Amino acid sequence: MREKFFTVGVIVSPHALRGAVKVYPRTDFPEVRFSKGSQLWIRRPNQDPFQEVFVESAKKHQKFWILTFEQIQSISQVEDWRKTELCIPESMLEPLPEGTYYIHQLIGLQVYRDSGEYLGELMEVLQPGANDVYVVKKSNQTRELLIPAIPSCVLNISLDEKRMTVHLLPGLLEEETGEGQNA
């Protein structure tokens, strides 16, 4: 089985003439991922990596990082890398503290209410700001259930059992709000 790769940054554009690139980080660990000597792979979205690179230098610039790579000496070598991804194999993911998870670990979990009721499968994790929001959907329904990823709602996550147990706050389920009922 081929190892999965995960995006840690997106190359926005070349930067200057010596082959540096401007990168939008997509990692919680940019200082680790973009440190001198770090090994990264370049790929086009939804494709396999096509080139391995090693970071020569990195500096933060506003919300971006400016990176140079050991093998790259000129802008012509990086010109067609716009919108490509910098990625790492799953084996190089940073270990997380207990009780925290990578998004890819959560997608596909079966979500149950604390009463035992099956709510659906976790399909997506939204990141609007203050806290993540889990998008849960049953296969036979068109509406999605949005669950805030906060301790008072998310009671338990078991990756081994592929299961999440949640407590729904009042108003999260449509039938509990009285929507759609005639007065």
C-alpha atoms as a PDB file:
ATOM      1  CA  MET A   1       0.000   0.000   0.000  1.00  0.00           C
ATOM      2  CA  ARG A   2       1.304   3.428  -0.962  1.00  0.00           C
ATOM      3  CA  GLU A   3       1.926   5.880   1.846  1.00  0.00           C
ATOM      4  CA  LYS A   4      -0.463   8.824   2.085  1.00  0.00           C
ATOM      5  CA  PHE A   5       0.899  12.348   1.789  1.00  0.00           C
ATOM      6  CA  PHE A   6      -0.410  15.399   3.640  1.00  0.00           C
ATOM      7  CA  THR A   7      -0.163  19.018   2.561  1.00  0.00           C
ATOM      8  CA  VAL A   8       1.856  21.315   4.842  1.00  0.00           C
ATOM      9  CA  GLY A   9       1.957  24.351   2.540  1.00  0.00           C
ATOM     10  CA  VAL A  10       0.902  25.711  -0.843  1.00  0.00           C
ATOM     11  CA  ILE A  11       3.362  27.482  -3.115  1.00  0.00           C
ATOM     12  CA  VAL A  12       1.770  30.800  -4.037  1.00  0.00           C
ATOM     13  CA  SER A  13       4.467  32.148  -6.354  1.00  0.00           C
ATOM     14  CA  PRO A  14       8.186  32.410  -7.027  1.00  0.00           C
ATOM     15  CA  HIS A  15       9.937  35.025  -4.903  1.00  0.00           C
ATOM     16  CA  ALA A  16      12.945  36.940  -6.280  1.00  0.00           C
ATOM     17  CA  LEU A  17      15.326  35.546  -8.890  1.00  0.00           C
ATOM     18  CA  ARG A  18      17.258  32.805  -7.067  1.00  0.00           C
ATOM     19  CA  GLY A  19      14.485  30.230  -6.854  1.00  0.00           C
ATOM     20  CA  ALA A  20      12.835  31.170  -3.574  1.00  0.00           C
ATOM     21  CA  VAL A  21       9.104  30.539  -3.268  1.00  0.00           C
ATOM     22  CA  LYS A  22       6.333  32.206  -1.296  1.00  0.00           C
ATOM     23  CA  VAL A  23       4.398  29.564   0.654  1.00  0.00           C
ATOM     24  CA  TYR A  24       1.043  29.720   2.416  1.00  0.00           C
ATOM     25  CA  PRO A  25       1.400  27.350   5.411  1.00  0.00           C
ATOM     26  CA  ARG A  26      -1.183  24.615   5.967  1.00  0.00           C
ATOM     27  CA  THR A  27       0.345  23.160   9.100  1.00  0.00           C
ATOM     28  CA  ASP A  28       0.263  23.853  12.807  1.00  0.00           C
ATOM     29  CA  PHE A  29       4.033  23.288  12.838  1.00  0.00           C
ATOM     30  CA  PRO A  30       5.551  25.667  10.235  1.00  0.00           C
ATOM     31  CA  GLU A  31       8.757  26.148  12.262  1.00  0.00           C
ATOM     32  CA  VAL A  32       9.333  22.381  12.130  1.00  0.00           C
ATOM     33  CA  ARG A  33       8.159  21.766   8.568  1.00  0.00           C
ATOM     34  CA  PHE A  34      10.094  24.670   7.051  1.00  0.00           C
ATOM     35  CA  SER A  35      13.283  24.434   9.125  1.00  0.00           C
ATOM     36  CA  LYS A  36      16.682  24.146   7.453  1.00  0.00           C
ATOM     37  CA  GLY A  37      17.224  20.611   6.160  1.00  0.00           C
ATOM     38  CA  SER A  38      13.538  19.635   6.268  1.00  0.00           C
ATOM     39  CA  GLN A  39      12.535  17.113   3.648  1.00  0.00           C
ATOM     40  CA  LEU A  40       9.409  17.972   1.637  1.00  0.00           C
ATOM     41  CA  TRP A  41       7.765  16.724  -1.531  1.00  0.00           C
ATOM     42  CA  ILE A  42       6.106  18.802  -4.232  1.00  0.00           C
ATOM     43  CA  ARG A  43       2.875  17.712  -5.873  1.00  0.00           C
ATOM     44  CA  ARG A  44       0.055  19.127  -7.893  1.00  0.00           C
ATOM     45  CA  PRO A  45      -3.334  18.976  -6.113  1.00  0.00           C
ATOM     46  CA  ASN A  46      -4.810  15.447  -6.091  1.00  0.00           C
ATOM     47  CA  GLN A  47      -1.712  13.934  -7.699  1.00  0.00           C
ATOM     48  CA  ASP A  48       1.328  12.015  -6.516  1.00  0.00           C
ATOM     49  CA  PRO A  49       4.443  13.936  -5.487  1.00  0.00           C
ATOM     50  CA  PHE A  50       6.793  14.622  -8.389  1.00  0.00           C
ATOM     51  CA  GLN A  51       9.875  16.053  -6.678  1.00  0.00           C
ATOM     52  CA  GLU A  52      11.645  15.768  -3.351  1.00  0.00           C
ATOM     53  CA  VAL A  53      13.270  18.951  -1.968  1.00  0.00           C
ATOM     54  CA  PHE A  54      15.245  19.970   1.125  1.00  0.00           C
ATOM     55  CA  VAL A  55      14.736  23.354   2.763  1.00  0.00           C
ATOM     56  CA  GLU A  56      17.865  25.518   2.635  1.00  0.00           C
ATOM     57  CA  SER A  57      16.381  28.582   4.323  1.00  0.00           C
ATOM     58  CA  ALA A  58      13.042  29.847   5.565  1.00  0.00           C
ATOM     59  CA  LYS A  59      11.728  33.081   6.958  1.00  0.00           C
ATOM     60  CA  LYS A  60       8.264  34.157   7.971  1.00  0.00           C
ATOM     61  CA  HIS A  61       6.895  37.104   5.994  1.00  0.00           C
ATOM     62  CA  GLN A  62       3.448  38.298   7.150  1.00  0.00           C
ATOM     63  CA  LYS A  63       1.140  35.259   6.789  1.00  0.00           C
ATOM     64  CA  PHE A  64       3.498  33.538   4.335  1.00  0.00           C
ATOM     65  CA  TRP A  65       6.869  31.813   4.469  1.00  0.00           C
ATOM     66  CA  ILE A  66       9.684  32.458   2.006  1.00  0.00           C
ATOM     67  CA  LEU A  67      11.579  29.215   1.351  1.00  0.00           C
ATOM     68  CA  THR A  68      14.665  28.315  -0.630  1.00  0.00           C
ATOM     69  CA  PHE A  69      15.601  24.734  -1.462  1.00  0.00           C
ATOM     70  CA  GLU A  70      19.053  23.141  -1.676  1.00  0.00           C
ATOM     71  CA  GLN A  71      18.636  21.930  -5.268  1.00  0.00           C
ATOM     72  CA  ILE A  72      17.051  25.096  -6.658  1.00  0.00           C
ATOM     73  CA  GLN A  73      19.205  27.946  -7.979  1.00  0.00           C
ATOM     74  CA  SER A  74      16.960  30.070 -10.229  1.00  0.00           C
ATOM     75  CA  ILE A  75      13.452  31.344 -10.730  1.00  0.00           C
ATOM     76  CA  SER A  76      13.117  29.290 -13.923  1.00  0.00           C
ATOM     77  CA  GLN A  77      13.266  26.092 -11.842  1.00  0.00           C
ATOM     78  CA  VAL A  78      10.235  27.097  -9.731  1.00  0.00           C
ATOM     79  CA  GLU A  79       8.190  29.119 -12.218  1.00  0.00           C
ATOM     80  CA  ASP A  80       5.707  26.293 -12.908  1.00  0.00           C
ATOM     81  CA  TRP A  81       5.297  25.435  -9.208  1.00  0.00           C
ATOM     82  CA  ARG A  82       2.524  27.987  -8.633  1.00  0.00           C
ATOM     83  CA  LYS A  83      -0.377  26.413  -6.729  1.00  0.00           C
ATOM     84  CA  THR A  84       1.552  23.206  -6.096  1.00  0.00           C
ATOM     85  CA  GLU A  85       1.581  21.694  -2.633  1.00  0.00           C
ATOM     86  CA  LEU A  86       4.429  21.001  -0.269  1.00  0.00           C
ATOM     87  CA  CYS A  87       3.662  17.722   1.445  1.00  0.00           C
ATOM     88  CA  ILE A  88       5.047  15.061   3.743  1.00  0.00           C
ATOM     89  CA  PRO A  89       4.310  11.345   4.084  1.00  0.00           C
ATOM     90  CA  GLU A  90       2.107  10.176   6.933  1.00  0.00           C
ATOM     91  CA  SER A  91       5.144   8.674   8.667  1.00  0.00           C
ATOM     92  CA  MET A  92       6.547  12.209   9.164  1.00  0.00           C
ATOM     93  CA  LEU A  93       3.467  13.694  10.872  1.00  0.00           C
ATOM     94  CA  GLU A  94       4.215  15.294  14.231  1.00  0.00           C
ATOM     95  CA  PRO A  95       2.860  13.401  17.232  1.00  0.00           C
ATOM     96  CA  LEU A  96      -0.050  15.254  18.811  1.00  0.00           C
ATOM     97  CA  PRO A  97      -0.855  15.657  22.490  1.00  0.00           C
ATOM     98  CA  GLU A  98      -3.357  13.202  23.933  1.00  0.00           C
ATOM     99  CA  GLY A  99      -6.932  14.173  23.115  1.00  0.00           C
ATOM    100  CA  THR A 100      -6.038  16.040  19.914  1.00  0.00           C
ATOM    101  CA  TYR A 101      -6.378  14.652  16.408  1.00  0.00           C
ATOM    102  CA  TYR A 102      -5.478  15.354  12.823  1.00  0.00           C
ATOM    103  CA  ILE A 103      -8.508  16.157  10.676  1.00  0.00           C
ATOM    104  CA  HIS A 104      -7.913  13.121   8.446  1.00  0.00           C
ATOM    105  CA  GLN A 105      -8.231  10.907  11.541  1.00  0.00           C
ATOM    106  CA  LEU A 106     -11.713  12.294  12.284  1.00  0.00           C
ATOM    107  CA  ILE A 107     -13.223  12.075   8.798  1.00  0.00           C
ATOM    108  CA  GLY A 108     -15.339   8.940   8.544  1.00  0.00           C
ATOM    109  CA  LEU A 109     -15.985   8.497  12.272  1.00  0.00           C
ATOM    110  CA  GLN A 110     -19.452   7.232  13.137  1.00  0.00           C
ATOM    111  CA  VAL A 111     -21.132   9.825  15.350  1.00  0.00           C
ATOM    112  CA  TYR A 112     -23.519   8.832  18.135  1.00  0.00           C
ATOM    113  CA  ARG A 113     -25.501  10.882  20.584  1.00  0.00           C
ATOM    114  CA  ASP A 114     -24.842  10.281  24.290  1.00  0.00           C
ATOM    115  CA  SER A 115     -28.281   8.599  24.382  1.00  0.00           C
ATOM    116  CA  GLY A 116     -27.003   6.002  21.865  1.00  0.00           C
ATOM    117  CA  GLU A 117     -28.836   7.423  18.820  1.00  0.00           C
ATOM    118  CA  TYR A 118     -26.831   7.166  15.574  1.00  0.00           C
ATOM    119  CA  LEU A 119     -26.444  10.638  14.052  1.00  0.00           C
ATOM    120  CA  GLY A 120     -24.355   9.883  10.957  1.00  0.00           C
ATOM    121  CA  GLU A 121     -20.813   9.998   9.630  1.00  0.00           C
ATOM    122  CA  LEU A 122     -18.377  12.847  10.162  1.00  0.00           C
ATOM    123  CA  MET A 123     -17.916  14.110   6.605  1.00  0.00           C
ATOM    124  CA  GLU A 124     -15.937  17.328   7.002  1.00  0.00           C
ATOM    125  CA  VAL A 125     -14.297  19.597   9.549  1.00  0.00           C
ATOM    126  CA  LEU A 126     -14.929  23.310   9.098  1.00  0.00           C
ATOM    127  CA  GLN A 127     -12.506  25.805  10.621  1.00  0.00           C
ATOM    128  CA  PRO A 128     -14.409  29.104  10.813  1.00  0.00           C
ATOM    129  CA  GLY A 129     -12.415  30.631  13.644  1.00  0.00           C
ATOM    130  CA  ALA A 130     -13.178  30.252  17.338  1.00  0.00           C
ATOM    131  CA  ASN A 131     -13.567  26.467  17.198  1.00  0.00           C
ATOM    132  CA  ASP A 132     -13.846  23.754  14.576  1.00  0.00           C
ATOM    133  CA  VAL A 133     -17.263  22.545  13.470  1.00  0.00           C
ATOM    134  CA  TYR A 134     -17.937  18.905  12.601  1.00  0.00           C
ATOM    135  CA  VAL A 135     -20.231  18.246   9.638  1.00  0.00           C
ATOM    136  CA  VAL A 136     -22.216  15.041  10.232  1.00  0.00           C
ATOM    137  CA  LYS A 137     -24.560  13.471   7.711  1.00  0.00           C
ATOM    138  CA  LYS A 138     -26.661  10.322   7.520  1.00  0.00           C
ATOM    139  CA  SER A 139     -26.578   8.609   4.137  1.00  0.00           C
ATOM    140  CA  ASN A 140     -30.389   8.750   3.766  1.00  0.00           C
ATOM    141  CA  GLN A 141     -30.740  12.454   4.658  1.00  0.00           C
ATOM    142  CA  THR A 142     -29.995  15.633   2.739  1.00  0.00           C
ATOM    143  CA  ARG A 143     -29.522  17.925   5.744  1.00  0.00           C
ATOM    144  CA  GLU A 144     -26.231  18.061   7.571  1.00  0.00           C
ATOM    145  CA  LEU A 145     -25.841  18.341  11.319  1.00  0.00           C
ATOM    146  CA  LEU A 146     -23.258  20.889  12.448  1.00  0.00           C
ATOM    147  CA  ILE A 147     -21.642  20.086  15.776  1.00  0.00           C
ATOM    148  CA  PRO A 148     -19.288  22.558  17.462  1.00  0.00           C
ATOM    149  CA  ALA A 149     -16.012  20.887  18.424  1.00  0.00           C
ATOM    150  CA  ILE A 150     -16.134  21.983  22.042  1.00  0.00           C
ATOM    151  CA  PRO A 151     -15.749  19.851  25.195  1.00  0.00           C
ATOM    152  CA  SER A 152     -19.393  20.276  26.220  1.00  0.00           C
ATOM    153  CA  CYS A 153     -20.499  18.726  22.892  1.00  0.00           C
ATOM    154  CA  VAL A 154     -17.768  16.227  22.005  1.00  0.00           C
ATOM    155  CA  LEU A 155     -17.693  13.728  24.846  1.00  0.00           C
ATOM    156  CA  ASN A 156     -15.522  10.936  23.469  1.00  0.00           C
ATOM    157  CA  ILE A 157     -13.480  10.075  20.396  1.00  0.00           C
ATOM    158  CA  SER A 158     -12.262   6.523  19.831  1.00  0.00           C
ATOM    159  CA  LEU A 159     -10.149   6.146  16.708  1.00  0.00           C
ATOM    160  CA  ASP A 160      -9.859   2.394  17.325  1.00  0.00           C
ATOM    161  CA  GLU A 161     -13.645   2.015  17.300  1.00  0.00           C
ATOM    162  CA  LYS A 162     -14.059   4.733  14.607  1.00  0.00           C
ATOM    163  CA  ARG A 163     -16.650   6.323  16.872  1.00  0.00           C
ATOM    164  CA  MET A 164     -17.434   9.752  18.312  1.00  0.00           C
ATOM    165  CA  THR A 165     -19.950  10.350  21.091  1.00  0.00           C
ATOM    166  CA  VAL A 166     -21.515  13.782  21.332  1.00  0.00           C
ATOM    167  CA  HIS A 167     -23.943  15.659  23.531  1.00  0.00           C
ATOM    168  CA  LEU A 168     -26.211  17.880  21.434  1.00  0.00           C
ATOM    169  CA  LEU A 169     -26.888  21.293  22.835  1.00  0.00           C
ATOM    170  CA  PRO A 170     -30.508  22.514  22.592  1.00  0.00           C
ATOM    171  CA  GLY A 171     -31.403  23.643  19.083  1.00  0.00           C
ATOM    172  CA  LEU A 172     -28.822  21.614  17.150  1.00  0.00           C
ATOM    173  CA  LEU A 173     -31.368  19.112  15.849  1.00  0.00           C
ATOM    174  CA  GLU A 174     -34.137  20.543  13.671  1.00  0.00           C
ATOM    175  CA  GLU A 175     -36.864  18.382  15.204  1.00  0.00           C
ATOM    176  CA  GLU A 176     -35.995  19.671  18.662  1.00  0.00           C
ATOM    177  CA  THR A 177     -36.392  23.314  17.642  1.00  0.00           C
ATOM    178  CA  GLY A 178     -39.922  22.939  16.362  1.00  0.00           C
ATOM    179  CA  GLU A 179     -38.939  24.134  12.857  1.00  0.00           C
ATOM    180  CA  GLY A 180     -41.289  23.066  10.169  1.00  0.00           C
ATOM    181  CA  GLN A 181     -44.196  22.444  12.548  1.00  0.00           C
ATOM    182  CA  ASN A 182     -47.507  24.214  12.045  1.00  0.00           C
ATOM    183  CA  ALA A 183     -48.774  26.353  14.890  1.00  0.00           C
END
